[in-house]
Protein backbone atom coordinates (compact mmCIF):
# COMPACT_ATOMS: atom_id res chain seq x y z
CA MET A 1 -10.75 91.87 -156.92
CA LYS A 2 -8.85 91.06 -153.69
CA LYS A 3 -9.04 94.71 -152.62
CA THR A 4 -12.78 94.75 -153.30
CA LEU A 5 -13.36 91.59 -151.27
CA THR A 6 -11.26 92.98 -148.42
CA LEU A 7 -13.25 96.23 -148.41
CA ILE A 8 -16.53 94.29 -148.38
CA ALA A 9 -15.29 92.20 -145.44
CA ILE A 10 -14.31 95.33 -143.47
CA LEU A 11 -17.67 96.96 -144.14
CA SER A 12 -19.48 93.78 -143.05
CA ILE A 13 -17.59 93.70 -139.75
CA ALA A 14 -18.27 97.39 -139.15
CA LEU A 15 -21.99 96.99 -139.84
CA ALA A 16 -22.14 93.97 -137.55
CA GLY A 17 -20.47 96.02 -134.82
CA CYS A 18 -22.97 98.83 -135.30
CA ARG A 19 -25.88 96.41 -135.10
CA HIS A 20 -24.43 94.93 -131.89
CA PHE A 21 -23.93 98.41 -130.40
CA PHE A 22 -27.47 99.57 -131.12
CA HIS A 23 -28.93 96.27 -129.94
CA ARG A 24 -26.92 96.55 -126.69
CA SER A 25 -27.90 100.18 -126.19
CA ALA A 26 -31.55 99.30 -126.64
CA ASN A 27 -31.28 96.57 -124.00
CA THR A 28 -29.26 98.56 -121.46
CA GLY A 29 -30.81 101.96 -122.02
CA GLY A 30 -27.59 103.46 -123.40
CA SER A 31 -25.55 106.04 -121.52
CA SER A 32 -26.95 108.14 -118.68
CA ALA A 33 -26.91 111.19 -120.94
CA THR A 34 -28.94 109.34 -123.57
CA LYS A 35 -31.35 108.17 -120.90
CA SER A 36 -31.74 111.72 -119.63
CA LEU A 37 -32.62 113.05 -123.07
CA ARG A 38 -34.92 110.12 -123.78
CA THR A 39 -36.86 110.51 -120.54
CA THR A 40 -37.19 114.28 -120.75
CA PHE A 41 -38.08 114.60 -124.44
CA ASP A 42 -41.84 114.70 -124.72
CA PRO A 43 -43.56 116.55 -127.59
CA ALA A 44 -46.45 117.45 -125.28
CA LEU A 45 -44.08 119.17 -122.84
CA MET A 46 -42.54 121.21 -125.65
CA LYS A 47 -45.93 122.85 -126.20
CA MET A 48 -46.33 123.86 -122.53
CA PRO A 49 -44.97 127.02 -120.87
CA LYS A 50 -41.90 126.23 -118.78
CA GLU A 51 -43.71 127.43 -115.67
CA LYS A 52 -46.43 124.83 -116.13
CA VAL A 53 -43.92 122.02 -116.70
CA PHE A 54 -42.03 123.06 -113.57
CA GLN A 55 -45.26 123.07 -111.58
CA LEU A 56 -46.00 119.54 -112.77
CA GLY A 57 -42.66 118.59 -111.26
CA GLU A 58 -43.57 120.32 -108.01
CA ASP A 59 -46.88 118.46 -107.90
CA GLN A 60 -45.14 115.10 -108.30
CA PHE A 61 -42.49 116.09 -105.76
CA ALA A 62 -45.21 116.89 -103.20
CA LYS A 63 -46.62 113.39 -103.76
CA LYS A 64 -43.11 111.93 -103.18
CA LYS A 65 -43.02 110.65 -106.76
CA TYR A 66 -39.47 111.83 -107.17
CA GLN A 67 -38.53 109.97 -110.32
CA LYS A 68 -41.56 111.36 -112.14
CA ALA A 69 -40.84 114.84 -110.78
CA ARG A 70 -37.32 114.63 -112.23
CA THR A 71 -38.79 114.11 -115.68
CA TYR A 72 -40.40 117.55 -115.56
CA TYR A 73 -37.51 119.30 -113.79
CA SER A 74 -35.00 117.84 -116.26
CA HIS A 75 -37.08 119.02 -119.21
CA VAL A 76 -37.12 122.58 -117.87
CA TYR A 77 -33.41 122.58 -117.09
CA GLU A 78 -32.30 121.03 -120.40
CA THR A 79 -34.59 123.28 -122.44
CA TYR A 80 -33.88 126.52 -120.55
CA PRO A 81 -30.44 126.07 -118.88
CA ASN A 82 -29.73 129.82 -118.71
CA ASP A 83 -33.18 130.82 -117.49
CA PRO A 84 -33.67 131.39 -113.72
CA LEU A 85 -36.36 128.70 -113.74
CA GLY A 86 -33.99 126.33 -115.54
CA ARG A 87 -31.40 126.86 -112.81
CA ARG A 88 -34.00 126.26 -110.16
CA ALA A 89 -35.06 123.09 -111.94
CA LEU A 90 -31.50 121.69 -111.76
CA LEU A 91 -31.50 122.31 -108.03
CA ARG A 92 -34.82 120.51 -107.73
CA VAL A 93 -33.39 117.53 -109.61
CA ALA A 94 -30.77 117.34 -106.86
CA ASP A 95 -33.46 117.73 -104.18
CA SER A 96 -35.44 114.85 -105.68
CA TYR A 97 -32.45 112.53 -105.32
CA TYR A 98 -31.79 113.80 -101.78
CA GLU A 99 -35.35 113.08 -100.68
CA GLN A 100 -35.06 109.44 -101.71
CA LYS A 101 -32.59 109.14 -98.81
CA ASP A 102 -30.84 105.86 -99.65
CA ALA A 103 -27.06 105.85 -100.04
CA VAL A 104 -27.05 105.55 -103.85
CA ASN A 105 -29.42 108.47 -104.34
CA LEU A 106 -27.60 110.60 -101.76
CA VAL A 107 -24.40 110.17 -103.75
CA GLU A 108 -26.28 111.17 -106.91
CA ALA A 109 -27.69 114.19 -105.08
CA GLN A 110 -24.17 115.29 -104.14
CA TYR A 111 -23.14 115.15 -107.79
CA LYS A 112 -26.14 117.23 -108.85
CA TYR A 113 -25.61 119.86 -106.13
CA ARG A 114 -21.95 120.08 -107.12
CA ASP A 115 -22.98 120.42 -110.76
CA PHE A 116 -25.24 123.33 -109.80
CA ILE A 117 -22.39 125.10 -107.97
CA ASN A 118 -19.99 124.55 -110.85
CA ARG A 119 -22.47 125.89 -113.41
CA TYR A 120 -23.86 128.76 -111.34
CA PRO A 121 -21.24 129.75 -108.73
CA GLY A 122 -22.73 133.23 -108.39
CA SER A 123 -26.25 132.00 -107.67
CA ASP A 124 -27.95 133.13 -104.50
CA ARG A 125 -28.73 129.45 -103.92
CA ALA A 126 -25.12 128.27 -104.10
CA ASP A 127 -24.88 128.28 -100.29
CA TYR A 128 -27.93 126.02 -100.12
CA ALA A 129 -26.42 123.61 -102.66
CA MET A 130 -23.16 123.51 -100.70
CA PHE A 131 -25.05 122.97 -97.44
CA GLN A 132 -26.97 120.09 -99.03
CA ILE A 133 -23.72 118.44 -100.11
CA ALA A 134 -22.75 118.37 -96.43
CA MET A 135 -26.22 117.10 -95.53
CA CYS A 136 -25.79 114.14 -97.88
CA SER A 137 -22.83 113.03 -95.74
CA TYR A 138 -24.74 113.90 -92.57
CA LYS A 139 -27.59 111.61 -93.59
CA GLN A 140 -25.14 108.72 -94.01
CA MET A 141 -23.52 109.00 -90.57
CA GLU A 142 -23.21 105.76 -88.63
CA ARG A 143 -24.09 105.23 -84.97
CA PRO A 144 -21.43 106.44 -82.49
CA ASP A 145 -20.20 102.88 -81.89
CA ARG A 146 -19.52 102.39 -85.62
CA ASP A 147 -17.00 103.80 -88.08
CA GLN A 148 -17.18 107.61 -88.22
CA GLN A 149 -15.83 108.26 -91.71
CA LYS A 150 -19.07 109.86 -92.92
CA THR A 151 -19.31 111.90 -89.72
CA ARG A 152 -15.85 113.36 -90.25
CA GLU A 153 -16.71 113.95 -93.92
CA ALA A 154 -19.85 115.84 -92.89
CA LEU A 155 -17.85 118.00 -90.46
CA GLU A 156 -15.34 118.88 -93.15
CA LYS A 157 -18.08 119.85 -95.60
CA PHE A 158 -20.00 121.93 -93.05
CA ASN A 159 -16.76 123.78 -92.30
CA ASP A 160 -16.33 124.42 -96.03
CA VAL A 161 -19.77 126.03 -96.15
CA LEU A 162 -19.00 128.23 -93.15
CA LYS A 163 -15.72 129.40 -94.70
CA THR A 164 -17.33 130.13 -98.07
CA TYR A 165 -20.63 131.60 -96.83
CA PRO A 166 -20.10 132.83 -93.24
CA LYS A 167 -23.17 135.09 -93.41
CA SER A 168 -25.53 132.56 -94.99
CA PRO A 169 -29.10 132.65 -93.67
CA LEU A 170 -28.71 128.88 -93.28
CA ARG A 171 -26.18 129.44 -90.49
CA PRO A 172 -28.53 128.62 -87.54
CA ASP A 173 -29.49 125.25 -89.03
CA MET A 174 -25.88 124.62 -89.97
CA ASP A 175 -24.66 125.31 -86.42
CA LYS A 176 -27.20 122.84 -85.05
CA ARG A 177 -26.18 120.14 -87.51
CA MET A 178 -22.50 120.73 -86.80
CA GLN A 179 -23.07 120.32 -83.07
CA ASP A 180 -24.81 117.00 -83.80
CA VAL A 181 -21.73 115.95 -85.78
CA LEU A 182 -19.32 117.01 -83.04
CA ASP A 183 -21.39 115.25 -80.37
CA ARG A 184 -21.33 112.06 -82.40
CA LEU A 185 -17.55 112.18 -82.79
CA ALA A 186 -17.14 112.91 -79.08
CA ARG A 187 -19.54 110.11 -78.20
CA HIS A 188 -17.48 107.74 -80.34
CA ASP A 189 -14.35 108.59 -78.34
CA HIS A 190 -16.31 108.41 -75.09
CA ILE A 191 -17.43 104.85 -75.86
CA ILE A 192 -13.81 103.88 -76.49
CA ALA A 193 -12.70 105.53 -73.24
CA ARG A 194 -15.30 103.60 -71.26
CA TYR A 195 -14.14 100.39 -72.89
CA TYR A 196 -10.61 101.19 -71.68
CA ILE A 197 -11.91 101.81 -68.14
CA LYS A 198 -13.75 98.50 -68.20
CA ARG A 199 -10.50 96.79 -69.21
CA HIS A 200 -8.58 98.75 -66.51
CA SER A 201 -6.51 100.47 -69.21
CA PHE A 202 -6.71 103.69 -67.21
CA ASN A 203 -3.86 105.57 -68.92
CA ALA A 204 -5.45 105.06 -72.34
CA ALA A 205 -8.82 106.13 -70.92
CA VAL A 206 -7.41 109.34 -69.40
CA GLN A 207 -5.72 110.24 -72.68
CA ARG A 208 -8.91 109.70 -74.67
CA LEU A 209 -11.09 111.59 -72.16
CA ASN A 210 -8.71 114.56 -72.01
CA GLY A 211 -8.92 114.69 -75.79
CA ILE A 212 -12.70 114.97 -75.58
CA VAL A 213 -12.49 117.79 -73.04
CA GLU A 214 -10.08 119.76 -75.24
CA THR A 215 -11.62 119.04 -78.65
CA TYR A 216 -15.35 119.06 -77.89
CA PRO A 217 -16.04 121.77 -75.27
CA ASN A 218 -19.79 121.71 -75.95
CA TYR A 219 -20.19 117.95 -75.83
CA VAL A 220 -23.62 117.16 -74.45
CA GLU A 221 -22.27 114.47 -72.09
CA ARG A 222 -19.45 116.52 -70.63
CA ASP A 223 -20.63 115.64 -67.10
CA GLY A 224 -20.13 111.96 -67.90
CA VAL A 225 -16.64 112.69 -69.23
CA PHE A 226 -15.67 114.40 -65.96
CA PHE A 227 -17.04 111.49 -63.95
CA ASP A 228 -15.15 108.97 -66.09
CA LEU A 229 -11.96 111.02 -65.75
CA GLY A 230 -12.36 110.86 -62.00
CA THR A 231 -12.87 107.09 -62.20
CA ALA A 232 -9.83 106.53 -64.44
CA LEU A 233 -7.58 108.77 -62.34
CA SER A 234 -8.74 107.02 -59.21
CA GLY A 235 -7.84 103.71 -60.84
CA LEU A 236 -4.33 105.04 -61.38
CA GLY A 237 -4.09 106.02 -57.72
CA ARG A 238 -4.16 109.75 -58.55
CA THR A 239 -6.76 110.40 -55.89
CA ALA A 240 -6.34 114.16 -55.54
CA GLU A 241 -6.88 114.70 -59.30
CA ALA A 242 -9.80 112.28 -59.31
CA ARG A 243 -11.47 114.20 -56.48
CA LEU A 244 -11.22 117.45 -58.49
CA TYR A 245 -13.18 115.94 -61.39
CA PHE A 246 -15.86 114.47 -59.14
CA GLU A 247 -16.21 117.90 -57.52
CA ARG A 248 -16.55 119.49 -60.98
CA VAL A 249 -19.47 117.20 -61.73
CA LEU A 250 -21.18 118.38 -58.53
CA SER A 251 -20.47 122.08 -59.07
CA GLU A 252 -21.05 122.34 -62.84
CA PHE A 253 -23.80 119.74 -63.27
CA PRO A 254 -25.67 119.56 -59.94
CA GLN A 255 -28.85 118.22 -61.58
CA SER A 256 -27.04 115.56 -63.57
CA VAL A 257 -27.50 111.85 -62.93
CA TRP A 258 -23.72 111.75 -62.64
CA ALA A 259 -23.80 114.19 -59.73
CA VAL A 260 -25.35 111.53 -57.46
CA LYS A 261 -22.64 109.05 -58.40
CA ALA A 262 -19.89 111.65 -58.02
CA LYS A 263 -21.13 112.43 -54.51
CA GLN A 264 -20.98 108.73 -53.68
CA LYS A 265 -17.44 108.48 -55.01
CA LEU A 266 -16.31 111.46 -52.93
CA GLY A 267 -17.92 109.94 -49.87
CA SER A 268 -16.08 106.65 -50.36
CA MET A 269 -12.78 108.52 -50.80
CA LYS A 270 -13.18 110.22 -47.41
CA THR A 271 -13.75 106.92 -45.64
CA ALA A 272 -10.99 105.08 -47.49
């Protein structure tokens, strides 16, 4: 009798736990996998050709109704994962997250692009997926006067794409984006260098500016770097070196706004 009562008690606890679990799942929506299956399972979609379902997703995507578009894309991918259209649908799921642009959805997009690469490494769209992973970091870059963690992350990921797919047709766009990234990192250092000049910490400024010259040869504000080097060196009393940088501004960037200022600096040095 005691064994029977004990067994009944155990079963009662187990059933109570099951009821709590199902009640909680109903309230929270369950796991993400469960949600995915629940949102994509639609008897009406099962009767449609996969091409039509995919097109429904494209129609919603064009209207910027990305969550609705994902419903159709996910159905195609989950129903036909080994079909070319199913693969394309997974990529479009990632694109739909990317287009929502906020930080949370960009992180989700990175996961989906990575999932595509892991599942279909030989795909002719793997370079695009890898490029988009870098773009997710690119889209989260802060202003040059803020922390540059995401900028450095974007640079690292763009370099990964170039190493893996050096002949990708996306190369021209990638090169442009990479130059944006490098300019932002250089600009960050340039802001710091100018802060040092303002505080008369000329040695620190010279060190930072020389680093920009060596590391970022195509920096868009290179003329400003040369002018600031001249200013910092002049502040240290290294007049001959300062004059060389002011002269470089005049010779290499004659149309620059810094050329006028460099000419003024050289003029004041002659009269000093």
